[in-house]
């Protein structure tokens, strides 16, 4: 146990919040991460050494926080800190594995009817922290609370396919979800960010929240700290740690210095410079979660010059992806191929990697009558690497005869501003299934369709996929859709950034193939102190 009170840690106030990501409006707040392999700060990989878990101790984890407005209401989570605290106290019916496929949690099984518009979900035997069993009524209460039209809970948009009035409890541990339309990927709804199960009638979560998660509530001071204790009755084995403390350190330098100074054992969201300075030096461990943040640009496909697919293809070919990754991400990432979800379920990894081809780009621009093209690129310091990538791409475009003027927008309104305005903009996104990316961003009626990709035949393919029960056949439809996006879509996806964590040398069990906001990210019930 560590006896130094967190209030003695002098962390600066909030400047750069740890928002879960950033891609056009409320639905675009879907977290920063993708699936992939990972690295560690030691050749011996001490995070995985001493393989037998040891019980006991308090782990202190530093996250960027949300100030005095922070809450433990899991349905209001918007920050990484919120999500990590919610995961410690609560469970969802499902969560996302490393490839962003839905994995069972409180749900032990799910089964659709032949029409894929009714799903029977069976609950495992689990209890809340007050000893009461988790029941079908608790599930319905939780989902109906999230879906309350008078509230702005994060998972509301994800639950849209569910007819919450018609859905019902078949017995204490079985829920029948009635859907508004066939939905083959319904388990993704169960895993949606913020779709936590709370006890029926629960409303006040900041004084004594009761969940079914691996840790029990001890104390909470918004903007400062939260302390939780091991739940020995947890259905998925009790945590190794006695206690878990979340401390707020809003500046990256404060989190890094707290880790280096022994004030915390886990620091979330470190930058590449910090990682390079301390990787393999022996003082702390650096953990890289590969492919964690999709990085790119959006081209508005409904207006000049990008309403001509030849211009979009030319811009694909202008990009030197390695130069962008090296320059904008300090090399902490890997190149993209103009498709979301590298390493995810349904990702078409067999498509050829697009390379820079300035001659072909110039030819396409000439054919489109755009050989002296001038374009405004909207960007903002709202996300790491945005302004750097904009400057690099401007210089690359100049080699193809394209003049790019950079316009820097407000961090506070950037995502709203670029959703409908402008023609070309910096963009990033994180962890969500490829199906969710399509449904939220690429259908005619999608609320965060930043590229304005609106094609009825593409919409029809999505509906075909959602109506296809056989997974292999469904994958073939998704592959067809993504081949078209790769050829003529509006997302120029040049890279995928590493997500970087730091831990003390005695921390074990941190999963390295765990995209941020997936099941095994911030999985403190599986961590121990050697």
Protein backbone atom coordinates (compact mmCIF):
# COMPACT_ATOMS: atom_id res chain seq x y z
CA UNK A 1 0.00 0.00 0.00
CA UNK A 2 1.14 3.55 -0.67
CA UNK A 3 0.33 6.00 2.09
CA UNK A 4 1.05 9.31 0.35
CA UNK A 5 -2.31 11.08 -0.11
CA UNK A 6 -3.11 12.12 -3.64
CA UNK A 7 -3.99 15.64 -2.46
CA UNK A 8 -0.28 16.19 -1.85
CA UNK A 9 0.43 15.75 -5.58
CA UNK A 10 0.69 19.18 -7.19
CA UNK A 11 -0.77 18.78 -10.67
CA UNK A 12 -1.53 21.78 -12.90
CA UNK A 13 -5.08 22.58 -13.95
CA UNK A 14 -6.91 21.35 -16.97
CA UNK A 15 -5.67 22.53 -20.34
CA UNK A 16 -5.72 19.54 -22.64
CA UNK A 17 -8.57 17.20 -21.81
CA UNK A 18 -8.25 13.53 -22.57
CA UNK A 19 -11.25 13.34 -24.85
CA UNK A 20 -11.90 9.91 -26.21
CA UNK A 21 -11.54 11.26 -29.66
CA UNK A 22 -12.66 13.49 -32.12
CA UNK A 23 -14.45 12.95 -35.27
CA UNK A 24 -17.29 15.18 -36.11
CA UNK A 25 -19.95 15.95 -33.54
CA UNK A 26 -21.28 13.90 -30.68
CA UNK A 27 -21.29 10.56 -32.42
CA UNK A 28 -17.73 11.20 -33.52
CA UNK A 29 -16.44 11.24 -29.96
CA UNK A 30 -15.73 7.52 -30.33
CA UNK A 31 -12.51 6.73 -28.74
CA UNK A 32 -8.95 6.88 -29.93
CA UNK A 33 -7.82 3.50 -30.92
CA UNK A 34 -7.44 0.67 -33.28
CA UNK A 35 -6.35 -2.89 -33.02
CA UNK A 36 -2.86 -4.14 -33.60
CA UNK A 37 0.26 -5.51 -32.06
CA UNK A 38 2.24 -3.54 -29.53
CA UNK A 39 5.66 -2.86 -28.14
CA UNK A 40 7.13 -2.36 -24.71
CA UNK A 41 9.90 -0.29 -23.27
CA UNK A 42 12.18 -3.20 -22.56
CA UNK A 43 13.61 -5.99 -24.60
CA UNK A 44 12.95 -8.28 -21.66
CA UNK A 45 9.35 -7.01 -21.59
CA UNK A 46 9.07 -6.60 -17.81
CA UNK A 47 5.34 -5.94 -18.07
CA UNK A 48 4.93 -9.63 -18.87
CA UNK A 49 7.76 -10.98 -16.70
CA UNK A 50 7.20 -12.59 -13.31
CA UNK A 51 4.14 -14.21 -14.83
CA UNK A 52 2.51 -15.37 -11.58
CA UNK A 53 0.24 -12.58 -10.33
CA UNK A 54 0.83 -11.22 -6.85
CA UNK A 55 -2.04 -10.05 -4.71
CA UNK A 56 -2.12 -6.76 -2.82
CA UNK A 57 -1.13 -3.12 -2.98
CA UNK A 58 -2.59 0.09 -4.35
CA UNK A 59 -1.98 1.17 -7.93
CA UNK A 60 -2.20 4.91 -8.68
CA UNK A 61 -3.12 5.77 -12.27
CA UNK A 62 -2.78 9.29 -13.69
CA UNK A 63 -5.25 10.45 -16.35
CA UNK A 64 -6.25 13.79 -17.82
CA UNK A 65 -9.52 14.74 -16.20
CA UNK A 66 -12.55 16.96 -16.53
CA UNK A 67 -12.30 19.28 -13.54
CA UNK A 68 -15.01 19.88 -10.97
CA UNK A 69 -17.73 18.70 -13.37
CA UNK A 70 -16.49 15.09 -13.33
CA UNK A 71 -19.03 12.40 -12.49
CA UNK A 72 -19.07 8.66 -11.89
CA UNK A 73 -22.32 8.29 -13.83
CA UNK A 74 -21.16 5.74 -16.43
CA UNK A 75 -23.76 6.89 -18.95
CA UNK A 76 -22.21 10.37 -19.00
CA UNK A 77 -18.63 9.23 -19.69
CA UNK A 78 -16.82 11.29 -22.31
CA UNK A 79 -13.17 11.25 -21.25
CA UNK A 80 -10.65 8.43 -21.07
CA UNK A 81 -10.60 8.97 -17.29
CA UNK A 82 -14.40 8.57 -17.20
CA UNK A 83 -14.22 5.37 -19.21
CA UNK A 84 -11.48 3.87 -17.02
CA UNK A 85 -13.37 4.65 -13.82
CA UNK A 86 -16.62 3.33 -15.28
CA UNK A 87 -14.90 0.09 -16.32
CA UNK A 88 -13.63 -0.40 -12.77
CA UNK A 89 -17.10 -0.01 -11.22
CA UNK A 90 -19.50 -1.31 -13.88
CA UNK A 91 -19.90 -3.87 -16.66
CA UNK A 92 -21.46 -3.83 -20.12
CA UNK A 93 -23.26 -6.74 -21.75
CA UNK A 94 -20.35 -6.99 -24.21
CA UNK A 95 -17.11 -5.19 -24.98
CA UNK A 96 -14.70 -4.91 -27.89
CA UNK A 97 -11.81 -7.33 -28.29
CA UNK A 98 -8.46 -6.42 -29.90
CA UNK A 99 -10.00 -6.66 -33.39
CA UNK A 100 -13.04 -4.63 -32.30
CA UNK A 101 -15.35 -7.62 -32.49
CA UNK A 102 -17.90 -7.89 -29.68
CA UNK A 103 -16.94 -10.20 -26.82
CA UNK A 104 -19.43 -11.40 -24.14
CA UNK A 105 -19.28 -9.77 -20.70
CA UNK A 106 -22.44 -9.69 -18.57
CA UNK A 107 -24.14 -11.36 -21.50
CA UNK A 108 -23.10 -14.99 -21.64
CA UNK A 109 -24.78 -15.56 -25.02
CA UNK A 110 -26.88 -13.89 -27.70
CA UNK A 111 -28.97 -15.41 -30.47
CA UNK A 112 -30.99 -13.75 -33.25
CA UNK A 113 -34.18 -14.90 -34.88
CA UNK A 114 -34.19 -15.75 -38.57
CA UNK A 115 -35.06 -12.17 -39.52
CA UNK A 116 -32.23 -10.63 -37.42
CA UNK A 117 -34.71 -8.19 -35.87
CA UNK A 118 -35.15 -9.94 -32.50
CA UNK A 119 -32.22 -10.97 -30.33
CA UNK A 120 -32.38 -13.10 -27.21
CA UNK A 121 -29.61 -12.19 -24.74
CA UNK A 122 -28.81 -14.47 -21.81
CA UNK A 123 -27.17 -12.97 -18.72
CA UNK A 124 -24.44 -14.71 -16.77
CA UNK A 125 -24.75 -15.07 -13.01
CA UNK A 126 -23.34 -11.86 -11.59
CA UNK A 127 -24.15 -9.65 -8.60
CA UNK A 128 -23.97 -5.95 -7.89
CA UNK A 129 -21.79 -4.60 -5.11
CA UNK A 130 -24.80 -4.61 -2.75
CA UNK A 131 -25.23 -8.36 -3.28
CA UNK A 132 -28.31 -8.15 -5.51
CA UNK A 133 -28.22 -10.19 -8.73
CA UNK A 134 -27.90 -8.52 -12.14
CA UNK A 135 -31.25 -9.13 -13.83
CA UNK A 136 -32.99 -8.55 -17.12
CA UNK A 137 -34.91 -5.70 -15.49
CA UNK A 138 -31.63 -3.96 -14.63
CA UNK A 139 -30.58 -4.26 -18.27
CA UNK A 140 -33.85 -2.78 -19.52
CA UNK A 141 -33.70 0.01 -16.93
CA UNK A 142 -30.15 0.87 -17.98
CA UNK A 143 -30.91 0.96 -21.69
CA UNK A 144 -34.15 2.90 -21.22
CA UNK A 145 -32.31 5.41 -19.04
CA UNK A 146 -29.71 5.87 -21.79
CA UNK A 147 -32.46 6.22 -24.38
CA UNK A 148 -34.40 8.86 -22.44
CA UNK A 149 -35.19 11.53 -25.07
CA UNK A 150 -34.84 14.26 -22.42
CA UNK A 151 -31.24 13.25 -21.65
CA UNK A 152 -27.98 13.42 -23.59
CA UNK A 153 -26.36 10.15 -22.64
CA UNK A 154 -23.41 9.09 -24.74
CA UNK A 155 -24.67 5.66 -25.86
CA UNK A 156 -28.09 6.91 -27.00
CA UNK A 157 -27.13 7.01 -30.69
CA UNK A 158 -25.68 3.49 -30.50
CA UNK A 159 -28.93 2.14 -29.03
CA UNK A 160 -31.01 3.70 -31.82
CA UNK A 161 -31.70 0.34 -33.58
CA UNK A 162 -33.44 -0.98 -30.42
CA UNK A 163 -37.18 -0.58 -29.84
CA UNK A 164 -36.83 -0.09 -26.08
CA UNK A 165 -40.58 -0.05 -25.45
CA UNK A 166 -41.15 -3.38 -27.19
CA UNK A 167 -38.08 -5.11 -25.70
CA UNK A 168 -38.86 -7.24 -22.65
CA UNK A 169 -37.60 -9.56 -19.96
CA UNK A 170 -38.44 -13.19 -20.75
CA UNK A 171 -37.24 -14.22 -17.29
CA UNK A 172 -34.79 -12.96 -14.66
CA UNK A 173 -31.75 -13.64 -16.82
CA UNK A 174 -33.09 -13.38 -20.38
CA UNK A 175 -33.82 -10.23 -22.38
CA UNK A 176 -35.54 -10.15 -25.75
CA UNK A 177 -34.42 -7.09 -27.68
CA UNK A 178 -36.83 -6.05 -30.41
CA UNK A 179 -35.10 -4.10 -33.18
CA UNK A 180 -36.44 -1.56 -35.63
CA UNK A 181 -34.81 -3.34 -38.58
CA UNK A 182 -32.57 -6.35 -39.26
CA UNK A 183 -29.21 -5.82 -37.53
CA UNK A 184 -26.66 -8.57 -38.02
CA UNK A 185 -24.06 -6.67 -35.98
CA UNK A 186 -26.35 -6.17 -32.97
CA UNK A 187 -23.64 -7.37 -30.53
CA UNK A 188 -21.80 -4.14 -31.38
CA UNK A 189 -24.71 -2.30 -29.79
CA UNK A 190 -24.24 -4.27 -26.59
CA UNK A 191 -20.58 -3.28 -26.56
CA UNK A 192 -21.21 0.40 -27.31
CA UNK A 193 -19.23 3.01 -25.44
CA UNK A 194 -21.14 4.05 -22.33
CA UNK A 195 -23.74 1.24 -22.46
CA UNK A 196 -23.09 0.15 -18.87
CA UNK A 197 -25.55 -1.83 -16.79
CA UNK A 198 -26.64 -0.16 -13.54
CA UNK A 199 -29.13 -1.33 -10.92
CA UNK A 200 -32.79 -0.66 -11.64
CA UNK A 201 -33.73 2.75 -10.23
CA UNK A 202 -30.13 3.92 -9.73
CA UNK A 203 -29.72 7.66 -10.30
CA UNK A 204 -27.13 9.22 -7.96
CA UNK A 205 -23.70 7.86 -8.86
CA UNK A 206 -21.29 10.30 -7.22
CA UNK A 207 -21.95 9.55 -3.53
CA UNK A 208 -22.05 5.76 -3.48
CA UNK A 209 -22.27 4.17 -6.93
CA UNK A 210 -23.21 0.50 -7.07
CA UNK A 211 -22.10 -1.53 -10.07
CA UNK A 212 -21.15 -5.11 -10.86
CA UNK A 213 -17.55 -4.31 -11.83
CA UNK A 214 -14.25 -5.56 -10.40
CA UNK A 215 -13.83 -2.71 -7.91
CA UNK A 216 -16.09 -1.18 -5.25
CA UNK A 217 -16.46 2.51 -4.52
CA UNK A 218 -14.47 4.08 -1.65
CA UNK A 219 -14.25 7.82 -2.37
CA UNK A 220 -14.47 10.38 -5.16
CA UNK A 221 -13.35 14.01 -5.39
CA UNK A 222 -14.18 15.40 -8.86
CA UNK A 223 -11.15 16.75 -10.66
CA UNK A 224 -8.76 15.20 -8.14
CA UNK A 225 -9.08 11.53 -7.31
CA UNK A 226 -11.22 8.41 -7.06
CA UNK A 227 -10.38 5.44 -4.85
CA UNK A 228 -11.83 1.96 -5.37
CA UNK A 229 -11.34 -1.34 -3.53
CA UNK A 230 -11.24 -4.93 -4.80
CA UNK A 231 -14.60 -6.63 -5.30
CA UNK A 232 -13.97 -10.15 -4.03
CA UNK A 233 -17.30 -11.32 -5.47
CA UNK A 234 -16.53 -10.26 -9.03
CA UNK A 235 -17.81 -12.78 -11.58
CA UNK A 236 -14.64 -12.62 -13.70
CA UNK A 237 -12.23 -13.32 -10.79
CA UNK A 238 -11.36 -10.77 -8.14
CA UNK A 239 -8.67 -8.20 -8.99
CA UNK A 240 -5.10 -8.74 -7.82
CA UNK A 241 -4.85 -5.22 -6.43
CA UNK A 242 -6.24 -4.29 -3.02
CA UNK A 243 -6.99 -0.77 -4.17
CA UNK A 244 -7.02 1.33 -7.31
CA UNK A 245 -6.66 5.11 -7.22
CA UNK A 246 -7.27 7.41 -10.18
CA UNK A 247 -5.49 10.75 -9.92
CA UNK A 248 -6.00 13.71 -12.22
CA UNK A 249 -2.95 15.16 -13.98
CA UNK A 250 -4.09 17.18 -16.94
CA UNK A 251 -0.76 18.05 -18.53
CA UNK A 252 1.25 15.28 -20.16
CA UNK A 253 4.38 16.56 -18.41
CA UNK A 254 2.65 16.26 -15.03
CA UNK A 255 1.68 12.65 -15.71
CA UNK A 256 5.18 11.79 -16.90
CA UNK A 257 6.86 13.52 -13.95
CA UNK A 258 4.52 11.87 -11.46
CA UNK A 259 5.45 8.49 -12.91
CA UNK A 260 9.17 9.26 -12.91
CA UNK A 261 8.94 10.57 -9.35
CA UNK A 262 7.16 7.51 -8.00
CA UNK A 263 3.92 9.36 -7.23
CA UNK A 264 1.94 7.13 -9.61
CA UNK A 265 2.52 3.71 -11.15
CA UNK A 266 0.57 4.21 -14.40
CA UNK A 267 0.49 7.26 -16.68
CA UNK A 268 -2.04 7.43 -19.50
CA UNK A 269 -1.44 9.17 -22.84
CA UNK A 270 2.25 10.06 -23.07
CA UNK A 271 3.69 11.76 -26.13
CA UNK A 272 6.31 10.32 -28.51
CA UNK A 273 9.06 12.61 -27.21
CA UNK A 274 8.55 11.32 -23.67
CA UNK A 275 8.53 7.74 -24.93
CA UNK A 276 11.78 8.20 -26.85
CA UNK A 277 13.45 9.86 -23.87
CA UNK A 278 12.69 7.00 -21.49
CA UNK A 279 12.24 3.88 -23.60
CA UNK A 280 14.80 1.18 -22.75
CA UNK A 281 16.42 3.40 -20.10
CA UNK A 282 15.29 1.18 -17.21
CA UNK A 283 13.54 3.78 -15.04
CA UNK A 284 9.99 3.24 -16.35
CA UNK A 285 8.27 1.00 -18.88
CA UNK A 286 6.83 2.38 -22.12
CA UNK A 287 3.92 0.49 -23.66
CA UNK A 288 2.90 1.24 -27.25
CA UNK A 289 -0.57 0.26 -28.40
CA UNK A 290 -0.07 0.13 -32.16
CA UNK A 291 -2.58 1.44 -34.74
CA UNK A 292 -4.43 3.33 -32.07
CA UNK A 293 -5.58 6.56 -33.71
CA UNK A 294 -6.61 6.84 -37.34
CA UNK A 295 -5.09 10.00 -38.80
CA UNK A 296 -6.09 11.60 -42.09
CA UNK A 297 -7.96 14.26 -44.02
CA UNK A 298 -11.58 14.48 -45.14
CA UNK A 299 -12.53 15.60 -48.64
CA UNK A 300 -16.11 16.84 -49.10
CA UNK A 301 -17.33 14.67 -51.97
CA UNK A 302 -20.44 16.80 -52.68
CA UNK A 303 -18.69 20.03 -53.71
CA UNK A 304 -15.85 21.23 -55.94
CA UNK A 305 -13.13 20.25 -56.34
CA UNK A 306 -13.73 16.91 -54.58
CA UNK A 307 -17.03 16.14 -56.28
CA UNK A 308 -14.77 14.85 -59.08
CA UNK A 309 -13.40 11.45 -58.08
CA UNK A 310 -10.31 12.05 -60.22
CA UNK A 311 -9.34 14.88 -57.88
CA UNK A 312 -9.88 12.65 -54.85
CA UNK A 313 -7.69 9.95 -56.39
CA UNK A 314 -5.02 12.58 -57.17
CA UNK A 315 -4.96 13.61 -53.51
CA UNK A 316 -4.62 9.96 -52.46
CA UNK A 317 -1.56 9.79 -54.72
CA UNK A 318 -0.05 13.07 -53.50
CA UNK A 319 0.33 11.77 -49.95
CA UNK A 320 3.76 10.51 -48.88
CA UNK A 321 2.44 8.53 -45.96
CA UNK A 322 5.79 7.71 -44.39
CA UNK A 323 6.80 11.35 -44.37
CA UNK A 324 3.49 12.21 -42.69
CA UNK A 325 3.91 9.53 -40.02
CA UNK A 326 7.54 10.47 -39.40
CA UNK A 327 6.86 14.19 -39.32
CA UNK A 328 3.41 14.57 -37.77
CA UNK A 329 3.57 11.57 -35.42
CA UNK A 330 7.31 11.66 -34.72
CA UNK A 331 7.46 8.17 -36.22
CA UNK A 332 5.15 6.77 -33.53
CA UNK A 333 2.77 5.00 -35.85
CA UNK A 334 2.41 3.28 -39.19
CA UNK A 335 1.10 4.21 -42.60
CA UNK A 336 -2.53 3.94 -43.62
CA UNK A 337 -4.21 2.91 -46.86
CA UNK A 338 -7.23 5.24 -47.02
CA UNK A 339 -9.46 2.86 -45.11
CA UNK A 340 -10.57 2.97 -41.48
CA UNK A 341 -9.96 0.11 -39.06
CA UNK A 342 -6.55 -1.37 -39.83
CA UNK A 343 -6.37 -4.70 -38.04
CA UNK A 344 -10.08 -4.74 -37.23
CA UNK A 345 -12.63 -7.39 -38.05
CA UNK A 346 -13.65 -7.05 -41.74
CA UNK A 347 -10.64 -4.89 -42.67
CA UNK A 348 -9.56 -5.75 -46.26
CA UNK A 349 -5.86 -6.18 -45.64
CA UNK A 350 -5.34 -7.71 -49.09
CA UNK A 351 -5.79 -4.43 -50.95
CA UNK A 352 -2.54 -3.05 -52.40
CA UNK A 353 -0.85 -0.36 -50.34
CA UNK A 354 -1.24 3.00 -52.01
CA UNK A 355 2.04 4.81 -52.70
CA UNK A 356 2.86 8.38 -53.65
CA UNK A 357 2.72 8.88 -57.44
CA UNK A 358 3.03 12.56 -58.31
CA UNK A 359 3.07 11.98 -62.09
CA UNK A 360 -0.22 10.09 -61.96
CA UNK A 361 -1.65 12.75 -59.61
CA UNK A 362 -0.75 15.56 -62.04
CA UNK A 363 -2.30 13.63 -64.94
CA UNK A 364 -5.57 13.09 -63.06
CA UNK A 365 -5.73 16.75 -62.09
CA UNK A 366 -5.22 17.78 -65.73
CA UNK A 367 -7.97 15.42 -66.84
CA UNK A 368 -10.27 16.99 -64.24
CA UNK A 369 -9.39 20.50 -65.39
CA UNK A 370 -7.77 21.17 -62.02
CA UNK A 371 -4.09 21.35 -62.90
CA UNK A 372 -3.70 24.73 -61.11
CA UNK A 373 -5.88 23.79 -58.16
CA UNK A 374 -6.07 25.91 -55.01
CA UNK A 375 -7.61 24.36 -51.88
CA UNK A 376 -8.12 25.54 -48.30
CA UNK A 377 -7.16 22.97 -45.67
CA UNK A 378 -8.92 23.41 -42.32
CA UNK A 379 -6.95 22.25 -39.31
CA UNK A 380 -6.59 22.98 -35.60
CA UNK A 381 -4.37 22.15 -32.62
CA UNK A 382 -7.38 20.23 -31.28
CA UNK A 383 -5.51 16.94 -31.81
CA UNK A 384 -1.85 15.96 -31.77
CA UNK A 385 -0.19 16.07 -35.18
CA UNK A 386 -2.95 17.99 -36.97
CA UNK A 387 -1.10 21.22 -37.71
CA UNK A 388 2.14 19.37 -38.47
CA UNK A 389 0.39 17.02 -40.94
CA UNK A 390 -1.32 19.97 -42.61
CA UNK A 391 2.03 21.71 -43.24
CA UNK A 392 3.65 18.53 -44.53
CA UNK A 393 0.79 17.76 -46.91
CA UNK A 394 0.81 21.37 -48.16
CA UNK A 395 4.42 20.91 -49.21
CA UNK A 396 3.71 17.53 -50.80
CA UNK A 397 0.79 18.96 -52.77
CA UNK A 398 2.96 21.78 -54.10
CA UNK A 399 5.08 19.14 -55.87
CA UNK A 400 1.96 18.19 -57.86
CA UNK A 401 1.14 21.80 -58.68
CA UNK A 402 -1.58 22.13 -56.03
CA UNK A 403 -1.64 25.23 -53.81
CA UNK A 404 -2.94 24.58 -50.31
CA UNK A 405 -3.81 27.39 -47.92
CA UNK A 406 -3.95 26.31 -44.28
CA UNK A 407 -6.75 27.74 -42.14
CA UNK A 408 -6.42 27.11 -38.39
CA UNK A 409 -9.70 26.80 -36.52
CA UNK A 410 -10.79 26.94 -32.89
CA UNK A 411 -10.15 23.91 -30.70
CA UNK A 412 -13.52 24.43 -29.04
CA UNK A 413 -15.65 24.33 -32.19
CA UNK A 414 -13.45 22.54 -34.73
CA UNK A 415 -15.37 19.27 -35.01
CA UNK A 416 -18.69 21.02 -35.40
CA UNK A 417 -17.23 23.54 -37.85
CA UNK A 418 -15.77 20.99 -40.27
CA UNK A 419 -18.79 18.69 -40.32
CA UNK A 420 -20.60 20.77 -42.92
CA UNK A 421 -18.26 23.65 -43.73
CA UNK A 422 -15.20 23.83 -45.95
CA UNK A 423 -13.96 21.28 -48.45
CA UNK A 424 -10.80 19.71 -46.98
CA UNK A 425 -9.91 19.18 -43.30
CA UNK A 426 -7.71 17.37 -40.81
CA UNK A 427 -9.40 14.40 -39.16
CA UNK A 428 -8.80 11.59 -36.72
CA UNK A 429 -10.78 8.81 -35.11
CA UNK A 430 -10.47 5.90 -32.81
CA UNK A 431 -11.88 2.61 -31.75
CA UNK A 432 -15.14 1.47 -33.20
CA UNK A 433 -16.08 -1.51 -35.38
CA UNK A 434 -15.85 -0.96 -39.12
CA UNK A 435 -19.62 -1.46 -39.29
CA UNK A 436 -20.10 1.43 -36.83
CA UNK A 437 -17.73 3.65 -38.79
CA UNK A 438 -19.80 2.99 -41.90
CA UNK A 439 -23.17 3.50 -40.23
CA UNK A 440 -22.19 6.68 -38.38
CA UNK A 441 -20.08 8.35 -41.08
CA UNK A 442 -20.76 7.00 -44.56
CA UNK A 443 -24.50 6.55 -45.06
CA UNK A 444 -26.77 9.16 -46.57
CA UNK A 445 -28.47 9.72 -43.23
CA UNK A 446 -25.37 9.45 -41.02
CA UNK A 447 -25.20 12.27 -38.49
CA UNK A 448 -21.40 12.63 -38.64
CA UNK A 449 -20.88 12.22 -42.37
CA UNK A 450 -17.92 14.60 -42.64
CA UNK A 451 -17.03 13.55 -46.23
CA UNK A 452 -20.67 13.92 -47.37
CA UNK A 453 -20.42 10.50 -49.00
CA UNK A 454 -24.05 9.91 -49.98
CA UNK A 455 -24.80 7.08 -52.36
CA UNK A 456 -28.06 5.11 -52.28
CA UNK A 457 -26.41 2.00 -53.74
CA UNK A 458 -23.79 2.14 -50.97
CA UNK A 459 -26.58 2.50 -48.37
CA UNK A 460 -28.26 -0.54 -49.91
CA UNK A 461 -25.07 -2.59 -49.53
CA UNK A 462 -24.93 -1.68 -45.84
CA UNK A 463 -28.53 -2.82 -45.39
CA UNK A 464 -27.68 -6.01 -47.28
CA UNK A 465 -24.79 -6.66 -44.90
CA UNK A 466 -27.00 -6.05 -41.86
CA UNK A 467 -29.58 -8.47 -43.25
CA UNK A 468 -27.03 -11.22 -43.95
CA UNK A 469 -26.83 -13.81 -41.20
CA UNK A 470 -23.86 -15.78 -42.54
CA UNK A 471 -20.70 -14.01 -41.39
CA UNK A 472 -18.61 -15.04 -44.41
CA UNK A 473 -21.22 -13.69 -46.80
CA UNK A 474 -21.53 -10.53 -44.72
CA UNK A 475 -17.75 -10.03 -44.82
CA UNK A 476 -17.87 -10.22 -48.61
CA UNK A 477 -20.37 -7.34 -48.70
CA UNK A 478 -18.21 -5.23 -46.38
CA UNK A 479 -15.18 -5.98 -48.58
CA UNK A 480 -17.07 -4.76 -51.65
CA UNK A 481 -18.02 -1.53 -49.87
CA UNK A 482 -14.46 -0.90 -48.72
CA UNK A 483 -12.96 -1.53 -52.16
CA UNK A 484 -15.16 1.27 -53.44
CA UNK A 485 -14.13 3.58 -50.59
CA UNK A 486 -10.47 2.80 -51.27
CA UNK A 487 -10.96 3.68 -54.92
CA UNK A 488 -13.07 6.84 -54.66
CA UNK A 489 -14.03 7.64 -51.07
CA UNK A 490 -13.54 10.91 -49.24
CA UNK A 491 -11.25 9.76 -46.42
CA UNK A 492 -7.53 10.22 -47.09
CA UNK A 493 -6.21 8.07 -44.25
CA UNK A 494 -2.45 8.42 -44.16
CA UNK A 495 -1.56 6.87 -40.80
CA UNK A 496 -2.36 5.19 -37.52
CA UNK A 497 -0.75 6.59 -34.39
CA UNK A 498 0.59 4.61 -31.46
CA UNK A 499 -1.16 5.13 -28.15
CA UNK A 500 1.54 5.43 -25.50
CA UNK A 501 1.33 4.46 -21.83
CA UNK A 502 3.95 4.54 -19.12
CA UNK A 503 4.16 2.31 -16.06
CA UNK A 504 6.46 1.82 -13.11
CA UNK A 505 8.93 -1.04 -13.38
CA UNK A 506 7.02 -3.16 -10.88
CA UNK A 507 3.71 -3.06 -12.77
CA UNK A 508 2.72 -6.33 -14.44
CA UNK A 509 -0.21 -7.53 -16.52
CA UNK A 510 -0.77 -4.44 -18.70
CA UNK A 511 -2.20 -5.80 -21.94
CA UNK A 512 -0.33 -4.58 -24.99
CA UNK A 513 -2.81 -5.65 -27.68
CA UNK A 514 -5.59 -3.50 -26.32
CA UNK A 515 -6.84 -0.48 -28.26
CA UNK A 516 -7.85 2.38 -26.01
CA UNK A 517 -11.44 1.93 -24.88
CA UNK A 518 -11.50 -1.75 -25.81
CA UNK A 519 -12.03 -4.55 -23.31
CA UNK A 520 -8.43 -4.98 -22.18
CA UNK A 521 -7.45 -1.30 -22.18
CA UNK A 522 -7.26 0.12 -18.61
CA UNK A 523 -8.03 -3.39 -17.39
CA UNK A 524 -6.81 -2.77 -13.86
CA UNK A 525 -8.46 -5.89 -12.49
CA UNK A 526 -5.82 -7.91 -14.37
CA UNK A 527 -2.83 -5.79 -13.28
CA UNK A 528 -0.59 -6.49 -10.31
CA UNK A 529 2.44 -5.06 -8.51
CA UNK A 530 5.52 -7.26 -8.46
